[in-house]
């Protein structure tokens, strides 16, 4: 299963995550409260079945990505 993760910035000397990136779809900096999302890249991976982690899910929900994603899915199925 592919997990949708954002790169975390703002902390020094953190350990690397397992595996390498398939594609960079965004980052977030919890210290400076900055977020960058590549919405088309995120939608692509969600359509292919990628599952967001808990934190990424909350960030995407706040950005309204899931409402747009569900609207597009409804239009395709109709």
C-alpha atoms as a PDB file:
ATOM      1  CA  UNK A   1       0.000   0.000   0.000  1.00  0.00           C
ATOM      2  CA  UNK A   2       1.233   3.481  -0.848  1.00  0.00           C
ATOM      3  CA  UNK A   3       1.085   6.023   1.962  1.00  0.00           C
ATOM      4  CA  UNK A   4       0.622   9.687   1.097  1.00  0.00           C
ATOM      5  CA  UNK A   5       3.036  11.726   3.225  1.00  0.00           C
ATOM      6  CA  UNK A   6       4.208  15.307   3.232  1.00  0.00           C
ATOM      7  CA  UNK A   7       7.796  16.265   3.823  1.00  0.00           C
ATOM      8  CA  UNK A   8       8.218  17.749   7.283  1.00  0.00           C
ATOM      9  CA  UNK A   9      10.440  20.810   7.513  1.00  0.00           C
ATOM     10  CA  UNK A  10      11.681  22.890  10.387  1.00  0.00           C
ATOM     11  CA  UNK A  11      13.346  20.307  12.617  1.00  0.00           C
ATOM     12  CA  UNK A  12      17.048  19.569  12.588  1.00  0.00           C
ATOM     13  CA  UNK A  13      18.592  16.122  12.881  1.00  0.00           C
ATOM     14  CA  UNK A  14      15.468  14.093  12.285  1.00  0.00           C
ATOM     15  CA  UNK A  15      15.674  10.478  11.203  1.00  0.00           C
ATOM     16  CA  UNK A  16      14.774   9.594   7.622  1.00  0.00           C
ATOM     17  CA  UNK A  17      11.588   7.759   6.799  1.00  0.00           C
ATOM     18  CA  UNK A  18      11.742   4.304   5.330  1.00  0.00           C
ATOM     19  CA  UNK A  19      11.871   4.143   1.548  1.00  0.00           C
ATOM     20  CA  UNK A  20      12.297   6.877  -1.017  1.00  0.00           C
ATOM     21  CA  UNK A  21       9.795   9.333  -2.482  1.00  0.00           C
ATOM     22  CA  UNK A  22       7.742   8.360  -5.513  1.00  0.00           C
ATOM     23  CA  UNK A  23       6.915  12.023  -6.121  1.00  0.00           C
ATOM     24  CA  UNK A  24       7.017  15.110  -3.930  1.00  0.00           C
ATOM     25  CA  UNK A  25       3.464  16.346  -3.419  1.00  0.00           C
ATOM     26  CA  UNK A  26       4.011  18.952  -0.723  1.00  0.00           C
ATOM     27  CA  UNK A  27       5.515  19.865   2.609  1.00  0.00           C
ATOM     28  CA  UNK A  28       4.500  21.319   5.938  1.00  0.00           C
ATOM     29  CA  UNK A  29       6.408  23.220   8.582  1.00  0.00           C
ATOM     30  CA  UNK A  30       4.677  22.963  11.970  1.00  0.00           C
ATOM     31  CA  UNK A  31       6.990  25.500  13.595  1.00  0.00           C
ATOM     32  CA  UNK A  32       6.257  28.322  11.117  1.00  0.00           C
ATOM     33  CA  UNK A  33       2.774  26.965  10.307  1.00  0.00           C
ATOM     34  CA  UNK A  34       3.459  26.852   6.545  1.00  0.00           C
ATOM     35  CA  UNK A  35       1.994  24.311   4.156  1.00  0.00           C
ATOM     36  CA  UNK A  36       2.479  23.754   0.429  1.00  0.00           C
ATOM     37  CA  UNK A  37       0.277  21.249  -1.392  1.00  0.00           C
ATOM     38  CA  UNK A  38       0.581  20.072  -4.992  1.00  0.00           C
ATOM     39  CA  UNK A  39      -3.158  19.418  -5.422  1.00  0.00           C
ATOM     40  CA  UNK A  40      -2.989  17.738  -8.884  1.00  0.00           C
ATOM     41  CA  UNK A  41      -0.269  15.374  -7.624  1.00  0.00           C
ATOM     42  CA  UNK A  42      -2.247  14.572  -4.484  1.00  0.00           C
ATOM     43  CA  UNK A  43      -5.424  13.895  -6.488  1.00  0.00           C
ATOM     44  CA  UNK A  44      -3.482  11.601  -8.827  1.00  0.00           C
ATOM     45  CA  UNK A  45      -2.263   9.428  -5.959  1.00  0.00           C
ATOM     46  CA  UNK A  46      -5.663   9.409  -4.222  1.00  0.00           C
ATOM     47  CA  UNK A  47      -7.296   8.222  -7.458  1.00  0.00           C
ATOM     48  CA  UNK A  48      -4.731   5.419  -7.681  1.00  0.00           C
ATOM     49  CA  UNK A  49      -5.625   4.253  -4.151  1.00  0.00           C
ATOM     50  CA  UNK A  50      -2.936   5.871  -1.973  1.00  0.00           C
ATOM     51  CA  UNK A  51      -3.910   6.243   1.692  1.00  0.00           C
ATOM     52  CA  UNK A  52      -2.968   9.479   3.516  1.00  0.00           C
ATOM     53  CA  UNK A  53      -1.467   9.274   6.982  1.00  0.00           C
ATOM     54  CA  UNK A  54      -3.441  10.748   9.871  1.00  0.00           C
ATOM     55  CA  UNK A  55      -1.688  14.109   9.863  1.00  0.00           C
ATOM     56  CA  UNK A  56      -1.834  14.417   6.080  1.00  0.00           C
ATOM     57  CA  UNK A  57      -5.537  13.527   6.153  1.00  0.00           C
ATOM     58  CA  UNK A  58      -6.203  16.371   8.605  1.00  0.00           C
ATOM     59  CA  UNK A  59      -4.213  18.855   6.503  1.00  0.00           C
ATOM     60  CA  UNK A  60      -5.965  17.805   3.273  1.00  0.00           C
ATOM     61  CA  UNK A  61      -9.375  17.935   4.942  1.00  0.00           C
ATOM     62  CA  UNK A  62      -8.672  21.460   6.185  1.00  0.00           C
ATOM     63  CA  UNK A  63      -7.613  22.470   2.651  1.00  0.00           C
ATOM     64  CA  UNK A  64     -10.836  21.038   1.184  1.00  0.00           C
ATOM     65  CA  UNK A  65      -9.135  18.479  -1.056  1.00  0.00           C
ATOM     66  CA  UNK A  66     -11.550  15.665  -0.185  1.00  0.00           C
ATOM     67  CA  UNK A  67     -14.681  17.635  -1.059  1.00  0.00           C
ATOM     68  CA  UNK A  68     -13.200  18.433  -4.480  1.00  0.00           C
ATOM     69  CA  UNK A  69     -12.054  14.809  -4.863  1.00  0.00           C
ATOM     70  CA  UNK A  70     -15.525  13.436  -4.067  1.00  0.00           C
ATOM     71  CA  UNK A  71     -17.197  15.916  -6.426  1.00  0.00           C
ATOM     72  CA  UNK A  72     -14.917  14.796  -9.254  1.00  0.00           C
ATOM     73  CA  UNK A  73     -15.587  11.118  -8.457  1.00  0.00           C
ATOM     74  CA  UNK A  74     -19.360  11.730  -8.564  1.00  0.00           C
ATOM     75  CA  UNK A  75     -19.096  13.450 -11.961  1.00  0.00           C
ATOM     76  CA  UNK A  76     -17.064  10.554 -13.382  1.00  0.00           C
ATOM     77  CA  UNK A  77     -19.497   7.917 -12.095  1.00  0.00           C
ATOM     78  CA  UNK A  78     -22.597   9.752 -13.431  1.00  0.00           C
END
